[in-house]
C-alpha atoms as a PDB file:
ATOM      1  CA  MET A   1       0.290  -0.058  -0.381  1.00  0.00           C
ATOM      2  CA  ILE A   2       1.274   3.403  -1.066  1.00  0.00           C
ATOM      3  CA  SER A   3       1.726   5.601   1.992  1.00  0.00           C
ATOM      4  CA  PHE A   4       1.197   9.558   1.656  1.00  0.00           C
ATOM      5  CA  SER A   5       2.377  11.724   4.485  1.00  0.00           C
ATOM      6  CA  LYS A   6       0.965  15.086   4.317  1.00  0.00           C
ATOM      7  CA  ASN A   7       4.476  17.127   3.400  1.00  0.00           C
ATOM      8  CA  LYS A   8       4.567  14.896  -0.101  1.00  0.00           C
ATOM      9  CA  VAL A   9       0.904  15.797  -0.924  1.00  0.00           C
ATOM     10  CA  LEU A  10       1.646  19.175  -0.185  1.00  0.00           C
ATOM     11  CA  GLU A  11       4.752  19.349  -1.982  1.00  0.00           C
ATOM     12  CA  TRP A  12       4.004  17.289  -5.296  1.00  0.00           C
ATOM     13  CA  CYS A  13       0.612  18.993  -5.365  1.00  0.00           C
ATOM     14  CA  GLY A  14       2.427  22.386  -5.700  1.00  0.00           C
ATOM     15  CA  VAL A  15       4.953  21.415  -7.524  1.00  0.00           C
ATOM     16  CA  ILE A  16       2.147  19.517 -10.223  1.00  0.00           C
ATOM     17  CA  THR A  17      -0.106  23.034 -10.189  1.00  0.00           C
ATOM     18  CA  ALA A  18       3.123  25.394 -11.066  1.00  0.00           C
ATOM     19  CA  ILE A  19       4.119  23.103 -13.943  1.00  0.00           C
ATOM     20  CA  LEU A  20       0.262  23.369 -15.512  1.00  0.00           C
ATOM     21  CA  TYR A  21       0.442  27.366 -14.638  1.00  0.00           C
ATOM     22  CA  SER A  22       3.832  27.367 -16.418  1.00  0.00           C
ATOM     23  CA  VAL A  23       2.376  25.710 -19.573  1.00  0.00           C
ATOM     24  CA  LEU A  24      -0.837  27.717 -19.755  1.00  0.00           C
ATOM     25  CA  ILE A  25       1.006  31.086 -19.686  1.00  0.00           C
ATOM     26  CA  ALA A  26       3.586  29.857 -21.855  1.00  0.00           C
ATOM     27  CA  MET A  27       1.226  28.568 -24.398  1.00  0.00           C
ATOM     28  CA  ASN A  28      -0.421  32.351 -24.665  1.00  0.00           C
ATOM     29  CA  ILE A  29      -4.162  30.601 -25.087  1.00  0.00           C
ATOM     30  CA  GLY A  30      -5.972  33.443 -23.288  1.00  0.00           C
ATOM     31  CA  ALA A  31      -5.888  30.841 -20.263  1.00  0.00           C
ATOM     32  CA  GLU A  32      -4.124  33.700 -17.963  1.00  0.00           C
ATOM     33  CA  PHE A  33      -6.646  33.978 -15.027  1.00  0.00           C
ATOM     34  CA  ILE A  34      -6.705  30.242 -14.733  1.00  0.00           C
ATOM     35  CA  GLY A  35      -3.054  30.217 -14.797  1.00  0.00           C
ATOM     36  CA  PHE A  36      -2.478  32.838 -11.922  1.00  0.00           C
ATOM     37  CA  ILE A  37      -5.242  30.517 -10.201  1.00  0.00           C
ATOM     38  CA  LEU A  38      -3.003  28.014 -10.443  1.00  0.00           C
ATOM     39  CA  LEU A  39      -0.125  30.040  -9.471  1.00  0.00           C
ATOM     40  CA  LEU A  40      -1.879  31.319  -6.223  1.00  0.00           C
ATOM     41  CA  ILE A  41      -2.914  27.387  -5.289  1.00  0.00           C
ATOM     42  CA  SER A  42       0.759  26.261  -6.144  1.00  0.00           C
ATOM     43  CA  ALA A  43       2.324  29.067  -3.823  1.00  0.00           C
ATOM     44  CA  ILE A  44      -0.017  28.228  -0.984  1.00  0.00           C
ATOM     45  CA  LEU A  45       0.679  24.614  -1.105  1.00  0.00           C
ATOM     46  CA  ILE A  46       4.431  25.021  -1.526  1.00  0.00           C
ATOM     47  CA  GLY A  47       4.414  27.997   1.072  1.00  0.00           C
ATOM     48  CA  LEU A  48       2.511  25.461   3.343  1.00  0.00           C
ATOM     49  CA  TRP A  49       5.132  22.692   2.630  1.00  0.00           C
ATOM     50  CA  SER A  50       8.097  24.984   3.258  1.00  0.00           C
ATOM     51  CA  TYR A  51       6.497  26.280   6.354  1.00  0.00           C
ATOM     52  CA  PHE A  52       5.891  22.945   8.197  1.00  0.00           C
ATOM     53  CA  GLY A  53       9.606  21.953   6.672  1.00  0.00           C
ATOM     54  CA  LYS A  54      11.370  25.006   8.079  1.00  0.00           C
ATOM     55  CA  HIS A  55      12.596  26.155   5.019  1.00  0.00           C
ATOM     56  CA  LYS A  56      12.059  29.363   5.400  1.00  0.00           C
ATOM     57  CA  GLY A  57      14.053  30.838   1.529  1.00  0.00           C
ATOM     58  CA  ILE A  58      11.460  28.571  -0.019  1.00  0.00           C
ATOM     59  CA  LEU A  59       8.531  30.235   2.075  1.00  0.00           C
ATOM     60  CA  LEU A  60       9.561  33.573   1.544  1.00  0.00           C
ATOM     61  CA  LEU A  61       9.873  32.675  -2.364  1.00  0.00           C
ATOM     62  CA  GLN A  62       6.385  31.525  -2.190  1.00  0.00           C
ATOM     63  CA  ILE A  63       4.863  34.548  -0.568  1.00  0.00           C
ATOM     64  CA  PHE A  64       6.114  36.671  -3.681  1.00  0.00           C
ATOM     65  CA  TYR A  65       4.684  33.990  -6.114  1.00  0.00           C
ATOM     66  CA  ALA A  66       1.295  34.187  -4.309  1.00  0.00           C
ATOM     67  CA  SER A  67       1.318  37.847  -4.266  1.00  0.00           C
ATOM     68  CA  ALA A  68       2.153  38.172  -8.026  1.00  0.00           C
ATOM     69  CA  GLY A  69      -0.775  35.512  -8.623  1.00  0.00           C
ATOM     70  CA  ILE A  70      -3.185  37.809  -7.015  1.00  0.00           C
ATOM     71  CA  ILE A  71      -1.800  41.017  -8.753  1.00  0.00           C
ATOM     72  CA  GLY A  72      -1.893  38.863 -12.093  1.00  0.00           C
ATOM     73  CA  MET A  73      -5.712  37.747 -11.238  1.00  0.00           C
ATOM     74  CA  ILE A  74      -6.763  41.131 -10.527  1.00  0.00           C
ATOM     75  CA  ARG A  75      -5.004  42.622 -13.444  1.00  0.00           C
ATOM     76  CA  TRP A  76      -6.390  40.248 -16.084  1.00  0.00           C
ATOM     77  CA  PHE A  77      -9.977  40.491 -14.700  1.00  0.00           C
END
Protein backbone atom coordinates (compact mmCIF):
# COMPACT_ATOMS: atom_id res chain seq x y z
CA MET A 1 0.00 0.00 0.00
CA ILE A 2 1.29 3.45 -0.90
CA SER A 3 1.49 5.87 2.01
CA PHE A 4 1.47 9.62 1.42
CA SER A 5 2.50 12.01 4.14
CA LYS A 6 0.91 15.45 4.42
CA ASN A 7 4.21 17.03 3.41
CA LYS A 8 4.58 14.89 0.28
CA VAL A 9 1.02 15.72 -0.82
CA LEU A 10 1.61 19.46 -0.32
CA GLU A 11 4.95 19.31 -2.12
CA TRP A 12 3.83 17.34 -5.17
CA CYS A 13 0.43 19.00 -5.59
CA GLY A 14 2.24 22.35 -5.44
CA VAL A 15 4.74 21.21 -8.06
CA ILE A 16 2.03 19.90 -10.39
CA THR A 17 -0.03 23.10 -10.19
CA ALA A 18 3.12 25.18 -10.82
CA ILE A 19 3.88 23.12 -13.93
CA LEU A 20 0.31 23.55 -15.19
CA TYR A 21 0.52 27.29 -14.52
CA SER A 22 3.76 27.57 -16.50
CA VAL A 23 2.39 25.63 -19.45
CA LEU A 24 -0.85 27.64 -19.59
CA ILE A 25 1.00 30.96 -19.55
CA ALA A 26 3.59 29.79 -22.09
CA MET A 27 0.92 28.55 -24.53
CA ASN A 28 -0.53 32.08 -24.73
CA ILE A 29 -4.07 30.80 -25.33
CA GLY A 30 -5.90 33.35 -23.23
CA ALA A 31 -5.95 31.21 -20.08
CA GLU A 32 -3.88 33.65 -18.04
CA PHE A 33 -6.51 34.09 -15.33
CA ILE A 34 -6.69 30.32 -14.77
CA GLY A 35 -2.89 30.24 -14.81
CA PHE A 36 -2.68 32.86 -12.08
CA ILE A 37 -5.20 30.91 -10.00
CA LEU A 38 -2.94 27.86 -10.36
CA LEU A 39 0.07 29.99 -9.40
CA LEU A 40 -1.71 31.10 -6.23
CA ILE A 41 -2.74 27.53 -5.36
CA SER A 42 0.80 26.30 -6.00
CA ALA A 43 2.28 29.05 -3.84
CA ILE A 44 -0.08 28.20 -0.98
CA LEU A 45 0.66 24.47 -1.19
CA ILE A 46 4.44 24.84 -1.47
CA GLY A 47 4.31 27.63 1.13
CA LEU A 48 2.64 25.27 3.60
CA TRP A 49 5.16 22.55 2.75
CA SER A 50 8.05 24.96 3.34
CA TYR A 51 6.52 26.27 6.57
CA PHE A 52 6.12 22.77 8.02
CA GLY A 53 9.62 21.84 6.84
CA LYS A 54 11.14 25.08 8.14
CA HIS A 55 12.45 26.07 4.67
CA LYS A 56 12.41 29.82 5.27
CA GLY A 57 13.88 30.86 1.92
CA ILE A 58 11.35 28.84 -0.05
CA LEU A 59 8.54 30.19 2.16
CA LEU A 60 9.58 33.76 1.37
CA LEU A 61 9.67 32.91 -2.34
CA GLN A 62 6.16 31.43 -2.14
CA ILE A 63 4.85 34.58 -0.46
CA PHE A 64 6.19 36.52 -3.44
CA TYR A 65 4.63 34.03 -5.91
CA ALA A 66 1.27 34.22 -4.11
CA SER A 67 1.42 38.02 -4.32
CA ALA A 68 2.25 37.80 -8.03
CA GLY A 69 -0.70 35.44 -8.55
CA ILE A 70 -3.09 37.84 -6.81
CA ILE A 71 -1.76 40.81 -8.79
CA GLY A 72 -2.05 38.82 -12.00
CA MET A 73 -5.67 37.89 -11.28
CA ILE A 74 -6.57 41.48 -10.47
CA ARG A 75 -4.87 42.78 -13.64
CA TRP A 76 -6.45 40.17 -15.94
CA PHE A 77 -9.95 40.26 -14.47
